[in-house]
Structure formats: structure tokens, C-alpha cells
Amino acid sequence: MDKSEQVWEDLKARNYIDSKGKIQDLLRTDLKNNEVDLPE
């Protein structure tokens, strides 16, 4: 699995995006609060 797939799967697992890739409000909120941790 390449890095982009890892990030995609992580975002889906955290409910930051839906199965179609649409950004959810939770991601917007966490971005505003600097609370998003992405896999390295």
C-alpha cells in the first residue's frame, strides 16, 4: 500500500471522509482545532 492509500484509508477510518471521498464536518472541525494526525 502506498502513502496516498494509507492516508485515504486513515481518513475513512476516522470518518473524516465518506466512501466517495467527500470531506465530513468532523475533518473541518479537527483541522480548525489543529487536531488532525496523519500516518507517516
PDB file of N, CA and C in Angstrom:
ATOM      1  N   MET A   1       0.861  -1.175   0.000  1.00  0.00           N
ATOM      2  CA  MET A   1       0.000   0.000   0.000  1.00  0.00           C
ATOM      3  C   MET A   1       0.907   1.238   0.000  1.00  0.00           C
ATOM      4  N   ASP A   2       0.653   2.157  -0.928  1.00  0.00           N
ATOM      5  CA  ASP A   2       1.484   3.358  -0.957  1.00  0.00           C
ATOM      6  C   ASP A   2       0.962   4.401   0.036  1.00  0.00           C
ATOM      7  N   LYS A   3       1.699   5.477   0.180  1.00  0.00           N
ATOM      8  CA  LYS A   3       1.377   6.501   1.189  1.00  0.00           C
ATOM      9  C   LYS A   3      -0.005   7.115   0.977  1.00  0.00           C
ATOM     10  N   SER A   4      -0.357   7.397  -0.269  1.00  0.00           N
ATOM     11  CA  SER A   4      -1.658   8.025  -0.511  1.00  0.00           C
ATOM     12  C   SER A   4      -2.802   7.096  -0.119  1.00  0.00           C
ATOM     13  N   GLU A   5      -2.639   5.802  -0.365  1.00  0.00           N
ATOM     14  CA  GLU A   5      -3.668   4.836   0.044  1.00  0.00           C
ATOM     15  C   GLU A   5      -3.758   4.765   1.563  1.00  0.00           C
ATOM     16  N   GLN A   6      -2.627   4.835   2.240  1.00  0.00           N
ATOM     17  CA  GLN A   6      -2.620   4.808   3.704  1.00  0.00           C
ATOM     18  C   GLN A   6      -3.363   6.016   4.264  1.00  0.00           C
ATOM     19  N   VAL A   7      -3.090   7.191   3.707  1.00  0.00           N
ATOM     20  CA  VAL A   7      -3.762   8.409   4.167  1.00  0.00           C
ATOM     21  C   VAL A   7      -5.255   8.307   3.897  1.00  0.00           C
ATOM     22  N   TRP A   8      -5.626   7.852   2.694  1.00  0.00           N
ATOM     23  CA  TRP A   8      -7.038   7.705   2.312  1.00  0.00           C
ATOM     24  C   TRP A   8      -7.765   6.781   3.293  1.00  0.00           C
ATOM     25  N   GLU A   9      -7.190   5.619   3.559  1.00  0.00           N
ATOM     26  CA  GLU A   9      -7.808   4.651   4.466  1.00  0.00           C
ATOM     27  C   GLU A   9      -7.892   5.200   5.886  1.00  0.00           C
ATOM     28  N   ASP A  10      -6.870   5.926   6.317  1.00  0.00           N
ATOM     29  CA  ASP A  10      -6.877   6.518   7.650  1.00  0.00           C
ATOM     30  C   ASP A  10      -7.984   7.565   7.766  1.00  0.00           C
ATOM     31  N   LEU A  11      -8.135   8.396   6.752  1.00  0.00           N
ATOM     32  CA  LEU A  11      -9.193   9.410   6.765  1.00  0.00           C
ATOM     33  C   LEU A  11     -10.575   8.764   6.810  1.00  0.00           C
ATOM     34  N   LYS A  12     -10.765   7.679   6.066  1.00  0.00           N
ATOM     35  CA  LYS A  12     -12.054   6.967   6.098  1.00  0.00           C
ATOM     36  C   LYS A  12     -12.281   6.328   7.463  1.00  0.00           C
ATOM     37  N   ALA A  13     -11.247   5.729   8.039  1.00  0.00           N
ATOM     38  CA  ALA A  13     -11.378   5.062   9.335  1.00  0.00           C
ATOM     39  C   ALA A  13     -11.752   6.048  10.442  1.00  0.00           C
ATOM     40  N   ARG A  14     -11.283   7.277  10.312  1.00  0.00           N
ATOM     41  CA  ARG A  14     -11.585   8.311  11.312  1.00  0.00           C
ATOM     42  C   ARG A  14     -12.876   9.064  10.996  1.00  0.00           C
ATOM     43  N   ASN A  15     -13.577   8.628   9.951  1.00  0.00           N
ATOM     44  CA  ASN A  15     -14.814   9.278   9.495  1.00  0.00           C
ATOM     45  C   ASN A  15     -14.591  10.729   9.086  1.00  0.00           C
ATOM     46  N   TYR A  16     -13.386  11.047   8.591  1.00  0.00           N
ATOM     47  CA  TYR A  16     -13.088  12.374   8.075  1.00  0.00           C
ATOM     48  C   TYR A  16     -13.594  12.523   6.651  1.00  0.00           C
ATOM     49  N   ILE A  17     -13.674  11.419   5.921  1.00  0.00           N
ATOM     50  CA  ILE A  17     -14.234  11.413   4.571  1.00  0.00           C
ATOM     51  C   ILE A  17     -15.187  10.229   4.458  1.00  0.00           C
ATOM     52  N   ASP A  18     -16.153  10.343   3.549  1.00  0.00           N
ATOM     53  CA  ASP A  18     -17.056   9.216   3.337  1.00  0.00           C
ATOM     54  C   ASP A  18     -16.481   8.290   2.270  1.00  0.00           C
ATOM     55  N   SER A  19     -17.210   7.254   1.918  1.00  0.00           N
ATOM     56  CA  SER A  19     -16.710   6.255   0.967  1.00  0.00           C
ATOM     57  C   SER A  19     -16.495   6.832  -0.432  1.00  0.00           C
ATOM     58  N   LYS A  20     -17.132   7.963  -0.716  1.00  0.00           N
ATOM     59  CA  LYS A  20     -16.962   8.620  -2.016  1.00  0.00           C
ATOM     60  C   LYS A  20     -15.858   9.675  -1.987  1.00  0.00           C
ATOM     61  N   GLY A  21     -15.284   9.911  -0.808  1.00  0.00           N
ATOM     62  CA  GLY A  21     -14.206  10.887  -0.681  1.00  0.00           C
ATOM     63  C   GLY A  21     -14.663  12.276  -0.275  1.00  0.00           C
ATOM     64  N   LYS A  22     -15.941  12.415   0.062  1.00  0.00           N
ATOM     65  CA  LYS A  22     -16.455  13.721   0.464  1.00  0.00           C
ATOM     66  C   LYS A  22     -16.004  14.042   1.888  1.00  0.00           C
ATOM     67  N   ILE A  23     -15.455  15.242   2.063  1.00  0.00           N
ATOM     68  CA  ILE A  23     -14.979  15.669   3.376  1.00  0.00           C
ATOM     69  C   ILE A  23     -16.166  15.849   4.314  1.00  0.00           C
ATOM     70  N   GLN A  24     -16.013  15.359   5.534  1.00  0.00           N
ATOM     71  CA  GLN A  24     -17.058  15.446   6.539  1.00  0.00           C
ATOM     72  C   GLN A  24     -16.773  16.605   7.501  1.00  0.00           C
ATOM     73  N   ASP A  25     -17.805  17.052   8.206  1.00  0.00           N
ATOM     74  CA  ASP A  25     -17.662  18.171   9.136  1.00  0.00           C
ATOM     75  C   ASP A  25     -16.628  17.892  10.221  1.00  0.00           C
ATOM     76  N   LEU A  26     -16.493  16.646  10.634  1.00  0.00           N
ATOM     77  CA  LEU A  26     -15.522  16.294  11.664  1.00  0.00           C
ATOM     78  C   LEU A  26     -14.108  16.685  11.239  1.00  0.00           C
ATOM     79  N   LEU A  27     -13.762  16.455   9.983  1.00  0.00           N
ATOM     80  CA  LEU A  27     -12.435  16.840   9.492  1.00  0.00           C
ATOM     81  C   LEU A  27     -12.283  18.354   9.512  1.00  0.00           C
ATOM     82  N   ARG A  28     -13.283  19.063   9.067  1.00  0.00           N
ATOM     83  CA  ARG A  28     -13.214  20.533   9.079  1.00  0.00           C
ATOM     84  C   ARG A  28     -12.985  21.048  10.499  1.00  0.00           C
ATOM     85  N   THR A  29     -13.726  20.497  11.446  1.00  0.00           N
ATOM     86  CA  THR A  29     -13.598  20.911  12.842  1.00  0.00           C
ATOM     87  C   THR A  29     -12.210  20.604  13.385  1.00  0.00           C
ATOM     88  N   ASP A  30     -11.743  19.384  13.157  1.00  0.00           N
ATOM     89  CA  ASP A  30     -10.429  18.998  13.667  1.00  0.00           C
ATOM     90  C   ASP A  30      -9.311  19.797  13.005  1.00  0.00           C
ATOM     91  N   LEU A  31      -9.449  20.142  11.735  1.00  0.00           N
ATOM     92  CA  LEU A  31      -8.448  20.989  11.069  1.00  0.00           C
ATOM     93  C   LEU A  31      -8.393  22.375  11.708  1.00  0.00           C
ATOM     94  N   LYS A  32      -9.549  22.945  11.994  1.00  0.00           N
ATOM     95  CA  LYS A  32      -9.593  24.266  12.634  1.00  0.00           C
ATOM     96  C   LYS A  32      -8.930  24.237  14.005  1.00  0.00           C
ATOM     97  N   ASN A  33      -9.065  23.108  14.700  1.00  0.00           N
ATOM     98  CA  ASN A  33      -8.516  22.970  16.052  1.00  0.00           C
ATOM     99  C   ASN A  33      -7.117  22.363  16.070  1.00  0.00           C
ATOM    100  N   ASN A  34      -6.520  22.182  14.889  1.00  0.00           N
ATOM    101  CA  ASN A  34      -5.179  21.576  14.769  1.00  0.00           C
ATOM    102  C   ASN A  34      -5.100  20.221  15.473  1.00  0.00           C
ATOM    103  N   GLU A  35      -6.103  19.385  15.256  1.00  0.00           N
ATOM    104  CA  GLU A  35      -6.182  18.087  15.924  1.00  0.00           C
ATOM    105  C   GLU A  35      -6.115  16.908  14.955  1.00  0.00           C
ATOM    106  N   VAL A  36      -5.614  17.133  13.757  1.00  0.00           N
ATOM    107  CA  VAL A  36      -5.532  16.061  12.765  1.00  0.00           C
ATOM    108  C   VAL A  36      -4.129  15.472  12.774  1.00  0.00           C
ATOM    109  N   ASP A  37      -4.038  14.166  13.010  1.00  0.00           N
ATOM    110  CA  ASP A  37      -2.768  13.452  12.935  1.00  0.00           C
ATOM    111  C   ASP A  37      -2.851  12.476  11.775  1.00  0.00           C
ATOM    112  N   LEU A  38      -1.947  12.626  10.822  1.00  0.00           N
ATOM    113  CA  LEU A  38      -1.918  11.733   9.668  1.00  0.00           C
ATOM    114  C   LEU A  38      -0.828  10.690   9.848  1.00  0.00           C
ATOM    115  N   PRO A  39      -1.023   9.506   9.271  1.00  0.00           N
ATOM    116  CA  PRO A  39       0.021   8.480   9.372  1.00  0.00           C
ATOM    117  C   PRO A  39       1.273   8.915   8.619  1.00  0.00           C
ATOM    118  N   GLU A  40       2.411   8.465   9.112  1.00  0.00           N
ATOM    119  CA  GLU A  40       3.677   8.842   8.461  1.00  0.00           C
ATOM    120  C   GLU A  40       4.140   7.807   7.492  1.00  0.00           C
TER     121      GLU A  40
END
